[in-house]
Amino acid sequence: MKGVLPDWKQREYGLVLFISILSVYDTNESEVYSMALNDNIKRLREEKDLTQQQLADKMYVSRQTICRWENGSRCPDLITAKRLALELEVSMDELISDEDVRDIESKYGIGKTNKIKTIVQLQGYQKKIRAFLEIIGSIFLVISLFALKTNESIPWWLIVVFGVPVIVAFVFLFRISRKIDRI
């Protein structure tokens, strides 16, 4: 039949599609921390019974700047965020965390901060592995599209060179996810 790819071509392009999909798949969407800076600025300012203008005066910025920080349209730079944390008498972790530090301590126990650090470290590894997978998948996709454009086949060794690291990376992602679940 004309127009139907041979079996080996179908498998080859199926593998390209599979690796491309895997390279952008997020295996673990939950995070211990997420950036909720705007909500925390507002909450902490209100806990200190400060108006936006009063906080702006203490930070030497305009009230509109505080308003933009609180509505999330702008973020303070790192130095200003550190000054803001000092002014609000909180740590930088509490300023940028999506949970109140007291909630984290009560949820995980005060003595379990090492576990939280371990989880954050493991999630950092997950992000690096996902970035690696995206790069490998993108490179393989470009090579595959180039081969498709020139009507060439992808050499088997190239599939192995790209496939083995992808498989190893997914094994590591799975093991890290299991370790996080056990903590």
C-alpha atoms as a PDB file:
ATOM      1  CA  MET A   1       0.000   0.000   0.000  1.00  0.00           C
ATOM      2  CA  LYS A   2       1.343   3.384  -0.971  1.00  0.00           C
ATOM      3  CA  GLY A   3       1.517   6.058   1.731  1.00  0.00           C
ATOM      4  CA  VAL A   4       1.910   3.623   4.620  1.00  0.00           C
ATOM      5  CA  LEU A   5       5.268   3.690   6.338  1.00  0.00           C
ATOM      6  CA  PRO A   6       7.187   0.430   6.664  1.00  0.00           C
ATOM      7  CA  ASP A   7       7.045  -1.171  10.094  1.00  0.00           C
ATOM      8  CA  TRP A   8      10.557  -0.062  11.023  1.00  0.00           C
ATOM      9  CA  LYS A   9       9.737   3.559  10.108  1.00  0.00           C
ATOM     10  CA  GLN A  10       6.554   3.433  12.199  1.00  0.00           C
ATOM     11  CA  ARG A  11       8.486   2.133  15.194  1.00  0.00           C
ATOM     12  CA  GLU A  12      11.185   4.772  14.688  1.00  0.00           C
ATOM     13  CA  TYR A  13       8.763   7.687  14.591  1.00  0.00           C
ATOM     14  CA  GLY A  14       6.730   6.180  17.395  1.00  0.00           C
ATOM     15  CA  LEU A  15       9.897   6.140  19.517  1.00  0.00           C
ATOM     16  CA  VAL A  16      10.580   9.779  18.590  1.00  0.00           C
ATOM     17  CA  LEU A  17       7.080  10.743  19.654  1.00  0.00           C
ATOM     18  CA  PHE A  18       7.352   8.698  22.865  1.00  0.00           C
ATOM     19  CA  ILE A  19      10.675  10.293  23.907  1.00  0.00           C
ATOM     20  CA  SER A  20       9.364  13.757  23.035  1.00  0.00           C
ATOM     21  CA  ILE A  21       6.288  13.262  25.206  1.00  0.00           C
ATOM     22  CA  LEU A  22       8.342  11.837  28.074  1.00  0.00           C
ATOM     23  CA  SER A  23      10.763  14.756  27.933  1.00  0.00           C
ATOM     24  CA  VAL A  24       8.053  17.273  28.801  1.00  0.00           C
ATOM     25  CA  TYR A  25       6.021  15.114  31.200  1.00  0.00           C
ATOM     26  CA  ASP A  26       6.089  16.356  34.773  1.00  0.00           C
ATOM     27  CA  THR A  27       6.251  13.310  37.041  1.00  0.00           C
ATOM     28  CA  ASN A  28       5.768  15.100  40.341  1.00  0.00           C
ATOM     29  CA  GLU A  29       3.756  18.312  40.400  1.00  0.00           C
ATOM     30  CA  SER A  30       3.581  18.667  44.173  1.00  0.00           C
ATOM     31  CA  GLU A  31       6.128  20.923  45.843  1.00  0.00           C
ATOM     32  CA  VAL A  32       6.817  21.613  49.496  1.00  0.00           C
ATOM     33  CA  TYR A  33       7.470  25.270  48.756  1.00  0.00           C
ATOM     34  CA  SER A  34       6.105  27.496  46.048  1.00  0.00           C
ATOM     35  CA  MET A  35       6.581  31.181  45.625  1.00  0.00           C
ATOM     36  CA  ALA A  36       3.687  32.939  47.361  1.00  0.00           C
ATOM     37  CA  LEU A  37       5.569  36.108  48.067  1.00  0.00           C
ATOM     38  CA  ASN A  38       2.699  38.472  47.312  1.00  0.00           C
ATOM     39  CA  ASP A  39       0.286  36.775  49.727  1.00  0.00           C
ATOM     40  CA  ASN A  40       2.906  36.653  52.462  1.00  0.00           C
ATOM     41  CA  ILE A  41       3.807  40.327  52.137  1.00  0.00           C
ATOM     42  CA  LYS A  42       0.178  41.293  52.596  1.00  0.00           C
ATOM     43  CA  ARG A  43      -0.430  38.828  55.441  1.00  0.00           C
ATOM     44  CA  LEU A  44       2.713  39.822  57.332  1.00  0.00           C
ATOM     45  CA  ARG A  45       2.060  43.544  56.803  1.00  0.00           C
ATOM     46  CA  GLU A  46      -1.457  43.138  58.191  1.00  0.00           C
ATOM     47  CA  GLU A  47      -0.155  41.105  61.157  1.00  0.00           C
ATOM     48  CA  LYS A  48       2.119  44.047  61.999  1.00  0.00           C
ATOM     49  CA  ASP A  49      -0.893  46.406  61.669  1.00  0.00           C
ATOM     50  CA  LEU A  50       0.870  48.419  58.982  1.00  0.00           C
ATOM     51  CA  THR A  51      -0.789  50.154  56.069  1.00  0.00           C
ATOM     52  CA  GLN A  52       0.773  49.939  52.641  1.00  0.00           C
ATOM     53  CA  GLN A  53       1.912  53.546  53.028  1.00  0.00           C
ATOM     54  CA  GLN A  54       3.543  52.891  56.404  1.00  0.00           C
ATOM     55  CA  LEU A  55       5.437  49.882  55.056  1.00  0.00           C
ATOM     56  CA  ALA A  56       6.404  51.863  51.960  1.00  0.00           C
ATOM     57  CA  ASP A  57       7.801  54.649  54.136  1.00  0.00           C
ATOM     58  CA  LYS A  58       9.881  52.172  56.138  1.00  0.00           C
ATOM     59  CA  MET A  59      11.167  50.509  52.948  1.00  0.00           C
ATOM     60  CA  TYR A  60      11.794  53.844  51.161  1.00  0.00           C
ATOM     61  CA  VAL A  61       9.555  52.866  48.235  1.00  0.00           C
ATOM     62  CA  SER A  62       6.198  54.153  47.020  1.00  0.00           C
ATOM     63  CA  ARG A  63       2.849  52.836  48.208  1.00  0.00           C
ATOM     64  CA  GLN A  64       2.191  51.699  44.622  1.00  0.00           C
ATOM     65  CA  THR A  65       5.306  49.508  44.804  1.00  0.00           C
ATOM     66  CA  ILE A  66       3.961  47.763  47.918  1.00  0.00           C
ATOM     67  CA  CYS A  67       0.598  47.399  46.158  1.00  0.00           C
ATOM     68  CA  ARG A  68       2.288  45.813  43.129  1.00  0.00           C
ATOM     69  CA  TRP A  69       4.207  43.413  45.367  1.00  0.00           C
ATOM     70  CA  GLU A  70       1.000  42.397  47.113  1.00  0.00           C
ATOM     71  CA  ASN A  71      -1.032  41.874  43.937  1.00  0.00           C
ATOM     72  CA  GLY A  72       1.774  39.897  42.316  1.00  0.00           C
ATOM     73  CA  SER A  73       2.375  42.162  39.330  1.00  0.00           C
ATOM     74  CA  ARG A  74       5.900  42.907  40.578  1.00  0.00           C
ATOM     75  CA  CYS A  75       8.377  41.292  42.958  1.00  0.00           C
ATOM     76  CA  PRO A  76      11.045  42.944  45.060  1.00  0.00           C
ATOM     77  CA  ASP A  77      14.639  42.261  44.108  1.00  0.00           C
ATOM     78  CA  LEU A  78      16.676  40.037  46.404  1.00  0.00           C
ATOM     79  CA  ILE A  79      18.218  42.826  48.450  1.00  0.00           C
ATOM     80  CA  THR A  80      14.869  44.562  48.894  1.00  0.00           C
ATOM     81  CA  ALA A  81      13.232  41.239  49.809  1.00  0.00           C
ATOM     82  CA  LYS A  82      15.876  40.718  52.493  1.00  0.00           C
ATOM     83  CA  ARG A  83      15.218  44.228  53.852  1.00  0.00           C
ATOM     84  CA  LEU A  84      11.487  43.496  53.720  1.00  0.00           C
ATOM     85  CA  ALA A  85      11.963  40.284  55.703  1.00  0.00           C
ATOM     86  CA  LEU A  86      13.985  42.163  58.307  1.00  0.00           C
ATOM     87  CA  GLU A  87      11.350  44.910  58.487  1.00  0.00           C
ATOM     88  CA  LEU A  88       8.547  42.358  58.915  1.00  0.00           C
ATOM     89  CA  GLU A  89      10.702  40.401  61.408  1.00  0.00           C
ATOM     90  CA  VAL A  90      10.558  37.096  59.526  1.00  0.00           C
ATOM     91  CA  SER A  91      13.063  34.880  57.769  1.00  0.00           C
ATOM     92  CA  MET A  92      13.412  34.859  53.992  1.00  0.00           C
ATOM     93  CA  ASP A  93      11.969  31.320  54.044  1.00  0.00           C
ATOM     94  CA  GLU A  94       8.826  32.525  55.746  1.00  0.00           C
ATOM     95  CA  LEU A  95       8.584  35.474  53.371  1.00  0.00           C
ATOM     96  CA  ILE A  96       8.635  33.344  50.215  1.00  0.00           C
ATOM     97  CA  SER A  97       7.065  30.120  51.499  1.00  0.00           C
ATOM     98  CA  ASP A  98       3.511  29.221  50.491  1.00  0.00           C
ATOM     99  CA  GLU A  99       2.859  28.021  54.024  1.00  0.00           C
ATOM    100  CA  ASP A 100       3.341  29.835  57.282  1.00  0.00           C
ATOM    101  CA  VAL A 101       6.507  28.489  58.915  1.00  0.00           C
ATOM    102  CA  ARG A 102       4.473  27.791  62.052  1.00  0.00           C
ATOM    103  CA  ASP A 103       2.120  25.645  59.940  1.00  0.00           C
ATOM    104  CA  ILE A 104       5.081  23.758  58.488  1.00  0.00           C
ATOM    105  CA  GLU A 105       6.551  23.160  61.933  1.00  0.00           C
ATOM    106  CA  SER A 106       3.228  21.970  63.324  1.00  0.00           C
ATOM    107  CA  LYS A 107       2.556  19.826  60.280  1.00  0.00           C
ATOM    108  CA  TYR A 108       5.987  18.193  60.161  1.00  0.00           C
ATOM    109  CA  GLY A 109       7.067  18.678  63.769  1.00  0.00           C
ATOM    110  CA  ILE A 110       9.657  21.152  64.949  1.00  0.00           C
ATOM    111  CA  GLY A 111      12.381  18.501  64.984  1.00  0.00           C
ATOM    112  CA  LYS A 112      11.700  17.476  61.383  1.00  0.00           C
ATOM    113  CA  THR A 113      13.269  20.440  59.608  1.00  0.00           C
ATOM    114  CA  ASN A 114      15.957  18.102  58.286  1.00  0.00           C
ATOM    115  CA  LYS A 115      13.236  16.094  56.562  1.00  0.00           C
ATOM    116  CA  ILE A 116      11.904  19.251  54.950  1.00  0.00           C
ATOM    117  CA  LYS A 117      15.410  20.137  53.774  1.00  0.00           C
ATOM    118  CA  THR A 118      15.818  16.624  52.384  1.00  0.00           C
ATOM    119  CA  ILE A 119      12.517  16.866  50.511  1.00  0.00           C
ATOM    120  CA  VAL A 120      13.476  20.235  49.049  1.00  0.00           C
ATOM    121  CA  GLN A 121      16.884  18.863  48.039  1.00  0.00           C
ATOM    122  CA  LEU A 122      15.297  15.809  46.380  1.00  0.00           C
ATOM    123  CA  GLN A 123      12.839  18.036  44.544  1.00  0.00           C
ATOM    124  CA  GLY A 124      15.804  20.080  43.306  1.00  0.00           C
ATOM    125  CA  TYR A 125      17.293  16.876  41.903  1.00  0.00           C
ATOM    126  CA  GLN A 126      13.967  16.106  40.237  1.00  0.00           C
ATOM    127  CA  LYS A 127      13.951  19.505  38.549  1.00  0.00           C
ATOM    128  CA  LYS A 128      17.495  18.992  37.271  1.00  0.00           C
ATOM    129  CA  ILE A 129      16.610  15.550  35.902  1.00  0.00           C
ATOM    130  CA  ARG A 130      13.494  16.954  34.202  1.00  0.00           C
ATOM    131  CA  ALA A 131      15.586  19.730  32.642  1.00  0.00           C
ATOM    132  CA  PHE A 132      18.035  17.090  31.403  1.00  0.00           C
ATOM    133  CA  LEU A 133      15.152  15.103  29.912  1.00  0.00           C
ATOM    134  CA  GLU A 134      13.810  18.184  28.172  1.00  0.00           C
ATOM    135  CA  ILE A 135      17.216  18.892  26.636  1.00  0.00           C
ATOM    136  CA  ILE A 136      17.755  15.290  25.525  1.00  0.00           C
ATOM    137  CA  GLY A 137      14.211  15.073  24.146  1.00  0.00           C
ATOM    138  CA  SER A 138      14.570  18.362  22.302  1.00  0.00           C
ATOM    139  CA  ILE A 139      17.885  17.387  20.727  1.00  0.00           C
ATOM    140  CA  PHE A 140      16.511  14.006  19.679  1.00  0.00           C
ATOM    141  CA  LEU A 141      13.390  15.653  18.277  1.00  0.00           C
ATOM    142  CA  VAL A 142      15.465  18.092  16.205  1.00  0.00           C
ATOM    143  CA  ILE A 143      17.634  15.268  14.876  1.00  0.00           C
ATOM    144  CA  SER A 144      14.529  13.214  14.093  1.00  0.00           C
ATOM    145  CA  LEU A 145      12.837  16.071  12.293  1.00  0.00           C
ATOM    146  CA  PHE A 146      15.998  16.723  10.302  1.00  0.00           C
ATOM    147  CA  ALA A 147      16.161  13.028   9.377  1.00  0.00           C
ATOM    148  CA  LEU A 148      12.493  13.089   8.401  1.00  0.00           C
ATOM    149  CA  LYS A 149      13.036  16.183   6.261  1.00  0.00           C
ATOM    150  CA  THR A 150      15.985  14.619   4.430  1.00  0.00           C
ATOM    151  CA  ASN A 151      14.250  11.220   4.144  1.00  0.00           C
ATOM    152  CA  GLU A 152      17.044   9.580   6.125  1.00  0.00           C
ATOM    153  CA  SER A 153      16.580   6.998   8.817  1.00  0.00           C
ATOM    154  CA  ILE A 154      17.803   7.519  12.339  1.00  0.00           C
ATOM    155  CA  PRO A 155      20.750   5.214  13.069  1.00  0.00           C
ATOM    156  CA  TRP A 156      20.077   2.601  15.744  1.00  0.00           C
ATOM    157  CA  TRP A 157      23.107   3.727  17.742  1.00  0.00           C
ATOM    158  CA  LEU A 158      21.665   7.237  17.968  1.00  0.00           C
ATOM    159  CA  ILE A 159      18.429   5.834  19.378  1.00  0.00           C
ATOM    160  CA  VAL A 160      20.463   3.910  21.965  1.00  0.00           C
ATOM    161  CA  VAL A 161      22.612   6.960  22.795  1.00  0.00           C
ATOM    162  CA  PHE A 162      19.494   9.013  23.513  1.00  0.00           C
ATOM    163  CA  GLY A 163      17.275   6.220  24.822  1.00  0.00           C
ATOM    164  CA  VAL A 164      19.537   4.837  27.559  1.00  0.00           C
ATOM    165  CA  PRO A 165      19.999   8.167  29.399  1.00  0.00           C
ATOM    166  CA  VAL A 166      16.248   8.785  29.186  1.00  0.00           C
ATOM    167  CA  ILE A 167      15.488   5.408  30.737  1.00  0.00           C
ATOM    168  CA  VAL A 168      18.118   5.929  33.453  1.00  0.00           C
ATOM    169  CA  ALA A 169      16.753   9.413  34.188  1.00  0.00           C
ATOM    170  CA  PHE A 170      13.217   8.062  34.558  1.00  0.00           C
ATOM    171  CA  VAL A 171      14.459   5.358  36.913  1.00  0.00           C
ATOM    172  CA  PHE A 172      16.091   8.064  39.039  1.00  0.00           C
ATOM    173  CA  LEU A 173      12.912  10.175  38.946  1.00  0.00           C
ATOM    174  CA  PHE A 174      10.877   7.188  40.065  1.00  0.00           C
ATOM    175  CA  ARG A 175      13.281   6.383  42.908  1.00  0.00           C
ATOM    176  CA  ILE A 176      13.376  10.010  44.068  1.00  0.00           C
ATOM    177  CA  SER A 177       9.564  10.184  44.009  1.00  0.00           C
ATOM    178  CA  ARG A 178       9.381   7.015  46.086  1.00  0.00           C
ATOM    179  CA  LYS A 179      11.915   8.387  48.546  1.00  0.00           C
ATOM    180  CA  ILE A 180       9.941  11.641  48.898  1.00  0.00           C
ATOM    181  CA  ASP A 181       6.738   9.650  49.486  1.00  0.00           C
ATOM    182  CA  ARG A 182       8.453   7.644  52.241  1.00  0.00           C
ATOM    183  CA  ILE A 183       9.636  10.794  54.027  1.00  0.00           C
END
